[in-house]
Amino acid sequence: MELTTNKDGAKLTISVNGEVNTMTAPELSALLKKELPGVQELTLDFAKCDYVSSAGLRVLLNTYKQMRSAGGTMQLVNVDESIMDVLQNTGLDAVFGL
């Protein structure tokens, strides 16, 4: 998995390339922990992400809760059909506003 960040003031975009699975979810979590202070708008771009495991979903949900409790927003963009199916099956599509 490769992660690319673009920070502009209180806006942060992270592009995810590859799979967010048990092995790579800690890397995403660590990056978020490092980059989130001061961020009010978080965008996760999944254009090049083709798989998210339960470990990845846990990172997304925890990040969503953190952003919400800080008064910020989080959005997922460019989510492919297979990941959208997982989000819909778990009900997380409603949580993330997809």
PDB file of N, CA and C in Angstrom:
ATOM      1  N   MET A   1       0.837  -1.167   0.000  1.00  0.00           N
ATOM      2  CA  MET A   1       0.000   0.000   0.000  1.00  0.00           C
ATOM      3  C   MET A   1       0.888   1.238   0.000  1.00  0.00           C
ATOM      4  N   GLU A   2       0.488   2.213  -0.794  1.00  0.00           N
ATOM      5  CA  GLU A   2       1.159   3.507  -0.809  1.00  0.00           C
ATOM      6  C   GLU A   2       0.163   4.567  -0.393  1.00  0.00           C
ATOM      7  N   LEU A   3       0.616   5.494   0.444  1.00  0.00           N
ATOM      8  CA  LEU A   3      -0.222   6.582   0.908  1.00  0.00           C
ATOM      9  C   LEU A   3       0.405   7.902   0.488  1.00  0.00           C
ATOM     10  N   THR A   4      -0.403   8.764  -0.106  1.00  0.00           N
ATOM     11  CA  THR A   4       0.055  10.083  -0.516  1.00  0.00           C
ATOM     12  C   THR A   4      -0.797  11.113   0.191  1.00  0.00           C
ATOM     13  N   THR A   5      -0.147  12.091   0.811  1.00  0.00           N
ATOM     14  CA  THR A   5      -0.889  13.115   1.529  1.00  0.00           C
ATOM     15  C   THR A   5      -0.759  14.462   0.839  1.00  0.00           C
ATOM     16  N   ASN A   6      -1.827  15.248   0.981  1.00  0.00           N
ATOM     17  CA  ASN A   6      -1.840  16.624   0.500  1.00  0.00           C
ATOM     18  C   ASN A   6      -2.546  17.444   1.567  1.00  0.00           C
ATOM     19  N   LYS A   7      -1.782  18.266   2.261  1.00  0.00           N
ATOM     20  CA  LYS A   7      -2.340  19.057   3.360  1.00  0.00           C
ATOM     21  C   LYS A   7      -2.332  20.520   2.967  1.00  0.00           C
ATOM     22  N   ASP A   8      -3.488  21.152   3.133  1.00  0.00           N
ATOM     23  CA  ASP A   8      -3.641  22.572   2.822  1.00  0.00           C
ATOM     24  C   ASP A   8      -4.376  23.208   3.992  1.00  0.00           C
ATOM     25  N   GLY A   9      -3.625  23.726   4.942  1.00  0.00           N
ATOM     26  CA  GLY A   9      -4.229  24.296   6.136  1.00  0.00           C
ATOM     27  C   GLY A   9      -4.944  23.226   6.934  1.00  0.00           C
ATOM     28  N   ALA A  10      -6.267  23.406   7.110  1.00  0.00           N
ATOM     29  CA  ALA A  10      -7.065  22.459   7.886  1.00  0.00           C
ATOM     30  C   ALA A  10      -7.679  21.367   7.018  1.00  0.00           C
ATOM     31  N   LYS A  11      -7.252  21.294   5.750  1.00  0.00           N
ATOM     32  CA  LYS A  11      -7.755  20.267   4.833  1.00  0.00           C
ATOM     33  C   LYS A  11      -6.658  19.250   4.559  1.00  0.00           C
ATOM     34  N   LEU A  12      -7.012  17.987   4.667  1.00  0.00           N
ATOM     35  CA  LEU A  12      -6.066  16.903   4.405  1.00  0.00           C
ATOM     36  C   LEU A  12      -6.705  15.895   3.469  1.00  0.00           C
ATOM     37  N   THR A  13      -5.979  15.570   2.400  1.00  0.00           N
ATOM     38  CA  THR A  13      -6.403  14.506   1.494  1.00  0.00           C
ATOM     39  C   THR A  13      -5.344  13.416   1.531  1.00  0.00           C
ATOM     40  N   ILE A  14      -5.801  12.192   1.723  1.00  0.00           N
ATOM     41  CA  ILE A  14      -4.910  11.041   1.685  1.00  0.00           C
ATOM     42  C   ILE A  14      -5.383  10.134   0.560  1.00  0.00           C
ATOM     43  N   SER A  15      -4.497   9.863  -0.382  1.00  0.00           N
ATOM     44  CA  SER A  15      -4.784   8.939  -1.473  1.00  0.00           C
ATOM     45  C   SER A  15      -4.210   7.583  -1.111  1.00  0.00           C
ATOM     46  N   VAL A  16      -5.060   6.566  -1.224  1.00  0.00           N
ATOM     47  CA  VAL A  16      -4.676   5.207  -0.860  1.00  0.00           C
ATOM     48  C   VAL A  16      -4.496   4.394  -2.137  1.00  0.00           C
ATOM     49  N   ASN A  17      -3.316   3.822  -2.302  1.00  0.00           N
ATOM     50  CA  ASN A  17      -3.010   3.007  -3.474  1.00  0.00           C
ATOM     51  C   ASN A  17      -2.686   1.602  -2.990  1.00  0.00           C
ATOM     52  N   GLY A  18      -3.550   0.651  -3.327  1.00  0.00           N
ATOM     53  CA  GLY A  18      -3.334  -0.731  -2.907  1.00  0.00           C
ATOM     54  C   GLY A  18      -4.421  -1.188  -1.951  1.00  0.00           C
ATOM     55  N   GLU A  19      -4.104  -2.170  -1.131  1.00  0.00           N
ATOM     56  CA  GLU A  19      -5.074  -2.764  -0.212  1.00  0.00           C
ATOM     57  C   GLU A  19      -4.890  -2.231   1.202  1.00  0.00           C
ATOM     58  N   VAL A  20      -6.010  -2.015   1.884  1.00  0.00           N
ATOM     59  CA  VAL A  20      -5.984  -1.703   3.312  1.00  0.00           C
ATOM     60  C   VAL A  20      -6.430  -2.981   4.007  1.00  0.00           C
ATOM     61  N   ASN A  21      -5.454  -3.717   4.507  1.00  0.00           N
ATOM     62  CA  ASN A  21      -5.737  -5.021   5.116  1.00  0.00           C
ATOM     63  C   ASN A  21      -5.083  -5.102   6.490  1.00  0.00           C
ATOM     64  N   THR A  22      -5.063  -6.275   7.056  1.00  0.00           N
ATOM     65  CA  THR A  22      -4.513  -6.465   8.396  1.00  0.00           C
ATOM     66  C   THR A  22      -3.064  -6.008   8.487  1.00  0.00           C
ATOM     67  N   MET A  23      -2.321  -6.205   7.423  1.00  0.00           N
ATOM     68  CA  MET A  23      -0.905  -5.837   7.426  1.00  0.00           C
ATOM     69  C   MET A  23      -0.685  -4.332   7.203  1.00  0.00           C
ATOM     70  N   THR A  24      -1.543  -3.688   6.420  1.00  0.00           N
ATOM     71  CA  THR A  24      -1.314  -2.293   6.055  1.00  0.00           C
ATOM     72  C   THR A  24      -2.155  -1.295   6.847  1.00  0.00           C
ATOM     73  N   ALA A  25      -3.219  -1.750   7.487  1.00  0.00           N
ATOM     74  CA  ALA A  25      -4.081  -0.835   8.258  1.00  0.00           C
ATOM     75  C   ALA A  25      -3.308  -0.082   9.344  1.00  0.00           C
ATOM     76  N   PRO A  26      -2.357  -0.719  10.047  1.00  0.00           N
ATOM     77  CA  PRO A  26      -1.590   0.032  11.049  1.00  0.00           C
ATOM     78  C   PRO A  26      -0.802   1.202  10.441  1.00  0.00           C
ATOM     79  N   GLU A  27      -0.345   1.036   9.211  1.00  0.00           N
ATOM     80  CA  GLU A  27       0.382   2.119   8.533  1.00  0.00           C
ATOM     81  C   GLU A  27      -0.553   3.308   8.288  1.00  0.00           C
ATOM     82  N   LEU A  28      -1.770   3.032   7.819  1.00  0.00           N
ATOM     83  CA  LEU A  28      -2.749   4.096   7.608  1.00  0.00           C
ATOM     84  C   LEU A  28      -3.106   4.750   8.935  1.00  0.00           C
ATOM     85  N   SER A  29      -3.302   3.953   9.960  1.00  0.00           N
ATOM     86  CA  SER A  29      -3.638   4.472  11.279  1.00  0.00           C
ATOM     87  C   SER A  29      -2.533   5.390  11.812  1.00  0.00           C
ATOM     88  N   ALA A  30      -1.290   4.980  11.661  1.00  0.00           N
ATOM     89  CA  ALA A  30      -0.150   5.785  12.132  1.00  0.00           C
ATOM     90  C   ALA A  30      -0.064   7.109  11.376  1.00  0.00           C
ATOM     91  N   LEU A  31      -0.290   7.057  10.067  1.00  0.00           N
ATOM     92  CA  LEU A  31      -0.249   8.286   9.272  1.00  0.00           C
ATOM     93  C   LEU A  31      -1.355   9.243   9.711  1.00  0.00           C
ATOM     94  N   LEU A  32      -2.549   8.710   9.924  1.00  0.00           N
ATOM     95  CA  LEU A  32      -3.663   9.536  10.369  1.00  0.00           C
ATOM     96  C   LEU A  32      -3.372  10.154  11.733  1.00  0.00           C
ATOM     97  N   LYS A  33      -2.828   9.372  12.635  1.00  0.00           N
ATOM     98  CA  LYS A  33      -2.501   9.883  13.972  1.00  0.00           C
ATOM     99  C   LYS A  33      -1.520  11.046  13.876  1.00  0.00           C
ATOM    100  N   LYS A  34      -0.572  10.931  12.974  1.00  0.00           N
ATOM    101  CA  LYS A  34       0.449  11.959  12.791  1.00  0.00           C
ATOM    102  C   LYS A  34      -0.123  13.213  12.121  1.00  0.00           C
ATOM    103  N   GLU A  35      -0.975  13.031  11.120  1.00  0.00           N
ATOM    104  CA  GLU A  35      -1.425  14.144  10.288  1.00  0.00           C
ATOM    105  C   GLU A  35      -2.717  14.827  10.751  1.00  0.00           C
ATOM    106  N   LEU A  36      -3.544  14.162  11.552  1.00  0.00           N
ATOM    107  CA  LEU A  36      -4.867  14.700  11.883  1.00  0.00           C
ATOM    108  C   LEU A  36      -4.904  15.917  12.802  1.00  0.00           C
ATOM    109  N   PRO A  37      -3.960  16.114  13.705  1.00  0.00           N
ATOM    110  CA  PRO A  37      -4.068  17.295  14.565  1.00  0.00           C
ATOM    111  C   PRO A  37      -4.215  18.584  13.735  1.00  0.00           C
ATOM    112  N   GLY A  38      -5.262  19.332  14.044  1.00  0.00           N
ATOM    113  CA  GLY A  38      -5.526  20.583  13.344  1.00  0.00           C
ATOM    114  C   GLY A  38      -6.341  20.459  12.076  1.00  0.00           C
ATOM    115  N   VAL A  39      -6.624  19.227  11.645  1.00  0.00           N
ATOM    116  CA  VAL A  39      -7.381  18.999  10.413  1.00  0.00           C
ATOM    117  C   VAL A  39      -8.877  19.070  10.715  1.00  0.00           C
ATOM    118  N   GLN A  40      -9.623  19.806   9.892  1.00  0.00           N
ATOM    119  CA  GLN A  40     -11.074  19.903  10.020  1.00  0.00           C
ATOM    120  C   GLN A  40     -11.798  19.228   8.863  1.00  0.00           C
ATOM    121  N   GLU A  41     -11.115  19.049   7.742  1.00  0.00           N
ATOM    122  CA  GLU A  41     -11.697  18.370   6.576  1.00  0.00           C
ATOM    123  C   GLU A  41     -10.743  17.276   6.113  1.00  0.00           C
ATOM    124  N   LEU A  42     -11.175  16.038   6.259  1.00  0.00           N
ATOM    125  CA  LEU A  42     -10.370  14.894   5.833  1.00  0.00           C
ATOM    126  C   LEU A  42     -11.051  14.222   4.653  1.00  0.00           C
ATOM    127  N   THR A  43     -10.286  14.033   3.591  1.00  0.00           N
ATOM    128  CA  THR A  43     -10.777  13.297   2.426  1.00  0.00           C
ATOM    129  C   THR A  43      -9.858  12.107   2.206  1.00  0.00           C
ATOM    130  N   LEU A  44     -10.454  10.937   2.105  1.00  0.00           N
ATOM    131  CA  LEU A  44      -9.710   9.723   1.783  1.00  0.00           C
ATOM    132  C   LEU A  44     -10.088   9.329   0.362  1.00  0.00           C
ATOM    133  N   ASP A  45      -9.110   9.365  -0.527  1.00  0.00           N
ATOM    134  CA  ASP A  45      -9.332   9.061  -1.942  1.00  0.00           C
ATOM    135  C   ASP A  45      -8.976   7.599  -2.202  1.00  0.00           C
ATOM    136  N   PHE A  46      -9.996   6.826  -2.565  1.00  0.00           N
ATOM    137  CA  PHE A  46      -9.834   5.394  -2.781  1.00  0.00           C
ATOM    138  C   PHE A  46      -9.791   5.028  -4.265  1.00  0.00           C
ATOM    139  N   ALA A  47      -9.440   5.973  -5.124  1.00  0.00           N
ATOM    140  CA  ALA A  47      -9.417   5.714  -6.569  1.00  0.00           C
ATOM    141  C   ALA A  47      -8.514   4.530  -6.930  1.00  0.00           C
ATOM    142  N   LYS A  48      -7.427   4.353  -6.192  1.00  0.00           N
ATOM    143  CA  LYS A  48      -6.483   3.278  -6.504  1.00  0.00           C
ATOM    144  C   LYS A  48      -6.455   2.207  -5.420  1.00  0.00           C
ATOM    145  N   CYS A  49      -7.511   2.166  -4.606  1.00  0.00           N
ATOM    146  CA  CYS A  49      -7.627   1.158  -3.557  1.00  0.00           C
ATOM    147  C   CYS A  49      -8.640   0.123  -4.014  1.00  0.00           C
ATOM    148  N   ASP A  50      -8.269  -1.148  -3.948  1.00  0.00           N
ATOM    149  CA  ASP A  50      -9.169  -2.180  -4.453  1.00  0.00           C
ATOM    150  C   ASP A  50      -9.667  -3.152  -3.384  1.00  0.00           C
ATOM    151  N   TYR A  51      -9.258  -2.938  -2.115  1.00  0.00           N
ATOM    152  CA  TYR A  51      -9.694  -3.859  -1.063  1.00  0.00           C
ATOM    153  C   TYR A  51      -9.548  -3.187   0.296  1.00  0.00           C
ATOM    154  N   VAL A  52     -10.555  -3.366   1.145  1.00  0.00           N
ATOM    155  CA  VAL A  52     -10.494  -2.904   2.531  1.00  0.00           C
ATOM    156  C   VAL A  52     -10.994  -4.041   3.420  1.00  0.00           C
ATOM    157  N   SER A  53     -10.146  -4.495   4.322  1.00  0.00           N
ATOM    158  CA  SER A  53     -10.513  -5.579   5.235  1.00  0.00           C
ATOM    159  C   SER A  53     -11.217  -5.009   6.466  1.00  0.00           C
ATOM    160  N   SER A  54     -11.595  -5.887   7.377  1.00  0.00           N
ATOM    161  CA  SER A  54     -12.231  -5.439   8.616  1.00  0.00           C
ATOM    162  C   SER A  54     -11.278  -4.564   9.425  1.00  0.00           C
ATOM    163  N   ALA A  55      -9.991  -4.835   9.351  1.00  0.00           N
ATOM    164  CA  ALA A  55      -9.011  -3.993  10.046  1.00  0.00           C
ATOM    165  C   ALA A  55      -9.008  -2.583   9.447  1.00  0.00           C
ATOM    166  N   GLY A  56      -9.137  -2.507   8.133  1.00  0.00           N
ATOM    167  CA  GLY A  56      -9.217  -1.211   7.465  1.00  0.00           C
ATOM    168  C   GLY A  56     -10.496  -0.482   7.811  1.00  0.00           C
ATOM    169  N   LEU A  57     -11.608  -1.219   7.878  1.00  0.00           N
ATOM    170  CA  LEU A  57     -12.885  -0.609   8.256  1.00  0.00           C
ATOM    171  C   LEU A  57     -12.811  -0.052   9.671  1.00  0.00           C
ATOM    172  N   ARG A  58     -12.130  -0.747  10.547  1.00  0.00           N
ATOM    173  CA  ARG A  58     -11.966  -0.291  11.924  1.00  0.00           C
ATOM    174  C   ARG A  58     -11.200   1.033  11.964  1.00  0.00           C
ATOM    175  N   VAL A  59     -10.143   1.148  11.166  1.00  0.00           N
ATOM    176  CA  VAL A  59      -9.382   2.401  11.098  1.00  0.00           C
ATOM    177  C   VAL A  59     -10.271   3.526  10.582  1.00  0.00           C
ATOM    178  N   LEU A  60     -11.053   3.239   9.538  1.00  0.00           N
ATOM    179  CA  LEU A  60     -11.943   4.257   8.984  1.00  0.00           C
ATOM    180  C   LEU A  60     -12.982   4.706   9.997  1.00  0.00           C
ATOM    181  N   LEU A  61     -13.588   3.768  10.697  1.00  0.00           N
ATOM    182  CA  LEU A  61     -14.619   4.108  11.667  1.00  0.00           C
ATOM    183  C   LEU A  61     -14.034   4.887  12.843  1.00  0.00           C
ATOM    184  N   ASN A  62     -12.890   4.472  13.347  1.00  0.00           N
ATOM    185  CA  ASN A  62     -12.244   5.202  14.440  1.00  0.00           C
ATOM    186  C   ASN A  62     -11.861   6.613  14.017  1.00  0.00           C
ATOM    187  N   THR A  63     -11.388   6.755  12.796  1.00  0.00           N
ATOM    188  CA  THR A  63     -11.016   8.073  12.285  1.00  0.00           C
ATOM    189  C   THR A  63     -12.250   8.951  12.132  1.00  0.00           C
ATOM    190  N   TYR A  64     -13.332   8.361  11.625  1.00  0.00           N
ATOM    191  CA  TYR A  64     -14.580   9.094  11.492  1.00  0.00           C
ATOM    192  C   TYR A  64     -15.043   9.623  12.851  1.00  0.00           C
ATOM    193  N   LYS A  65     -15.002   8.770  13.860  1.00  0.00           N
ATOM    194  CA  LYS A  65     -15.416   9.175  15.207  1.00  0.00           C
ATOM    195  C   LYS A  65     -14.522  10.293  15.738  1.00  0.00           C
ATOM    196  N   GLN A  66     -13.226  10.172  15.483  1.00  0.00           N
ATOM    197  CA  GLN A  66     -12.281  11.191  15.939  1.00  0.00           C
ATOM    198  C   GLN A  66     -12.555  12.528  15.254  1.00  0.00           C
ATOM    199  N   MET A  67     -12.787  12.492  13.945  1.00  0.00           N
ATOM    200  CA  MET A  67     -13.064  13.731  13.219  1.00  0.00           C
ATOM    201  C   MET A  67     -14.362  14.362  13.699  1.00  0.00           C
ATOM    202  N   ARG A  68     -15.351  13.534  13.881  1.00  0.00           N
ATOM    203  CA  ARG A  68     -16.654  14.041  14.312  1.00  0.00           C
ATOM    204  C   ARG A  68     -16.585  14.652  15.710  1.00  0.00           C
ATOM    205  N   SER A  69     -15.877  14.013  16.628  1.00  0.00           N
ATOM    206  CA  SER A  69     -15.778  14.545  17.991  1.00  0.00           C
ATOM    207  C   SER A  69     -14.981  15.845  18.033  1.00  0.00           C
ATOM    208  N   ALA A  70     -14.126  16.064  17.036  1.00  0.00           N
ATOM    209  CA  ALA A  70     -13.348  17.304  16.948  1.00  0.00           C
ATOM    210  C   ALA A  70     -14.083  18.377  16.144  1.00  0.00           C
ATOM    211  N   GLY A  71     -15.319  18.057  15.704  1.00  0.00           N
ATOM    212  CA  GLY A  71     -16.096  19.022  14.930  1.00  0.00           C
ATOM    213  C   GLY A  71     -15.713  19.086  13.468  1.00  0.00           C
ATOM    214  N   GLY A  72     -14.966  18.086  13.010  1.00  0.00           N
ATOM    215  CA  GLY A  72     -14.523  18.054  11.617  1.00  0.00           C
ATOM    216  C   GLY A  72     -15.366  17.118  10.774  1.00  0.00           C
ATOM    217  N   THR A  73     -14.980  17.007   9.514  1.00  0.00           N
ATOM    218  CA  THR A  73     -15.683  16.139   8.576  1.00  0.00           C
ATOM    219  C   THR A  73     -14.701  15.156   7.951  1.00  0.00           C
ATOM    220  N   MET A  74     -15.260  14.047   7.506  1.00  0.00           N
ATOM    221  CA  MET A  74     -14.472  13.027   6.801  1.00  0.00           C
ATOM    222  C   MET A  74     -15.313  12.504   5.656  1.00  0.00           C
ATOM    223  N   GLN A  75     -14.701  12.422   4.495  1.00  0.00           N
ATOM    224  CA  GLN A  75     -15.414  11.852   3.357  1.00  0.00           C
ATOM    225  C   GLN A  75     -14.522  10.865   2.621  1.00  0.00           C
ATOM    226  N   LEU A  76     -15.171   9.848   2.072  1.00  0.00           N
ATOM    227  CA  LEU A  76     -14.499   8.871   1.220  1.00  0.00           C
ATOM    228  C   LEU A  76     -14.904   9.192  -0.210  1.00  0.00           C
ATOM    229  N   VAL A  77     -13.935   9.259  -1.107  1.00  0.00           N
ATOM    230  CA  VAL A  77     -14.239   9.552  -2.508  1.00  0.00           C
ATOM    231  C   VAL A  77     -13.632   8.484  -3.409  1.00  0.00           C
ATOM    232  N   ASN A  78     -14.208   8.362  -4.585  1.00  0.00           N
ATOM    233  CA  ASN A  78     -13.727   7.415  -5.603  1.00  0.00           C
ATOM    234  C   ASN A  78     -13.677   5.976  -5.091  1.00  0.00           C
ATOM    235  N   VAL A  79     -14.720   5.587  -4.382  1.00  0.00           N
ATOM    236  CA  VAL A  79     -14.801   4.240  -3.822  1.00  0.00           C
ATOM    237  C   VAL A  79     -15.298   3.286  -4.904  1.00  0.00           C
ATOM    238  N   ASP A  80     -14.539   2.225  -5.163  1.00  0.00           N
ATOM    239  CA  ASP A  80     -14.949   1.294  -6.221  1.00  0.00           C
ATOM    240  C   ASP A  80     -16.101   0.398  -5.752  1.00  0.00           C
ATOM    241  N   GLU A  81     -16.662  -0.313  -6.685  1.00  0.00           N
ATOM    242  CA  GLU A  81     -17.873  -1.102  -6.440  1.00  0.00           C
ATOM    243  C   GLU A  81     -17.681  -2.175  -5.373  1.00  0.00           C
ATOM    244  N   SER A  82     -16.551  -2.861  -5.372  1.00  0.00           N
ATOM    245  CA  SER A  82     -16.350  -3.941  -4.398  1.00  0.00           C
ATOM    246  C   SER A  82     -16.240  -3.386  -2.973  1.00  0.00           C
ATOM    247  N   ILE A  83     -15.576  -2.260  -2.811  1.00  0.00           N
ATOM    248  CA  ILE A  83     -15.481  -1.644  -1.484  1.00  0.00           C
ATOM    249  C   ILE A  83     -16.834  -1.072  -1.080  1.00  0.00           C
ATOM    250  N   MET A  84     -17.547  -0.494  -2.031  1.00  0.00           N
ATOM    251  CA  MET A  84     -18.882   0.032  -1.742  1.00  0.00           C
ATOM    252  C   MET A  84     -19.806  -1.080  -1.278  1.00  0.00           C
ATOM    253  N   ASP A  85     -19.692  -2.265  -1.872  1.00  0.00           N
ATOM    254  CA  ASP A  85     -20.500  -3.414  -1.444  1.00  0.00           C
ATOM    255  C   ASP A  85     -20.241  -3.754   0.019  1.00  0.00           C
ATOM    256  N   VAL A  86     -18.973  -3.737   0.413  1.00  0.00           N
ATOM    257  CA  VAL A  86     -18.614  -4.032   1.803  1.00  0.00           C
ATOM    258  C   VAL A  86     -19.203  -2.957   2.722  1.00  0.00           C
ATOM    259  N   LEU A  87     -19.075  -1.709   2.323  1.00  0.00           N
ATOM    260  CA  LEU A  87     -19.609  -0.616   3.141  1.00  0.00           C
ATOM    261  C   LEU A  87     -21.130  -0.709   3.266  1.00  0.00           C
ATOM    262  N   GLN A  88     -21.791  -1.069   2.182  1.00  0.00           N
ATOM    263  CA  GLN A  88     -23.245  -1.205   2.218  1.00  0.00           C
ATOM    264  C   GLN A  88     -23.664  -2.405   3.071  1.00  0.00           C
ATOM    265  N   ASN A  89     -22.956  -3.505   2.944  1.00  0.00           N
ATOM    266  CA  ASN A  89     -23.292  -4.711   3.713  1.00  0.00           C
ATOM    267  C   ASN A  89     -23.094  -4.527   5.219  1.00  0.00           C
ATOM    268  N   THR A  90     -22.179  -3.643   5.600  1.00  0.00           N
ATOM    269  CA  THR A  90     -21.919  -3.390   7.017  1.00  0.00           C
ATOM    270  C   THR A  90     -22.706  -2.194   7.540  1.00  0.00           C
ATOM    271  N   GLY A  91     -23.380  -1.468   6.649  1.00  0.00           N
ATOM    272  CA  GLY A  91     -24.121  -0.277   7.050  1.00  0.00           C
ATOM    273  C   GLY A  91     -23.261   0.956   7.192  1.00  0.00           C
ATOM    274  N   LEU A  92     -21.972   0.824   6.893  1.00  0.00           N
ATOM    275  CA  LEU A  92     -21.064   1.956   7.032  1.00  0.00           C
ATOM    276  C   LEU A  92     -21.238   3.001   5.934  1.00  0.00           C
ATOM    277  N   ASP A  93     -21.898   2.636   4.839  1.00  0.00           N
ATOM    278  CA  ASP A  93     -22.160   3.628   3.797  1.00  0.00           C
ATOM    279  C   ASP A  93     -23.028   4.752   4.363  1.00  0.00           C
ATOM    280  N   ALA A  94     -23.954   4.431   5.244  1.00  0.00           N
ATOM    281  CA  ALA A  94     -24.803   5.447   5.872  1.00  0.00           C
ATOM    282  C   ALA A  94     -24.004   6.299   6.858  1.00  0.00           C
ATOM    283  N   VAL A  95     -23.084   5.674   7.577  1.00  0.00           N
ATOM    284  CA  VAL A  95     -22.255   6.394   8.542  1.00  0.00           C
ATOM    285  C   VAL A  95     -21.373   7.404   7.815  1.00  0.00           C
ATOM    286  N   PHE A  96     -20.752   6.970   6.726  1.00  0.00           N
ATOM    287  CA  PHE A  96     -19.836   7.843   5.992  1.00  0.00           C
ATOM    288  C   PHE A  96     -20.558   8.754   4.998  1.00  0.00           C
ATOM    289  N   GLY A  97     -21.869   8.610   4.885  1.00  0.00           N
ATOM    290  CA  GLY A  97     -22.628   9.476   3.989  1.00  0.00           C
ATOM    291  C   GLY A  97     -22.383   9.204   2.517  1.00  0.00           C
ATOM    292  N   LEU A  98     -22.218   7.956   2.162  1.00  0.00           N
ATOM    293  CA  LEU A  98     -21.972   7.609   0.755  1.00  0.00           C
ATOM    294  C   LEU A  98     -23.279   7.332   0.029  1.00  0.00           C
TER     295      LEU A  98
END
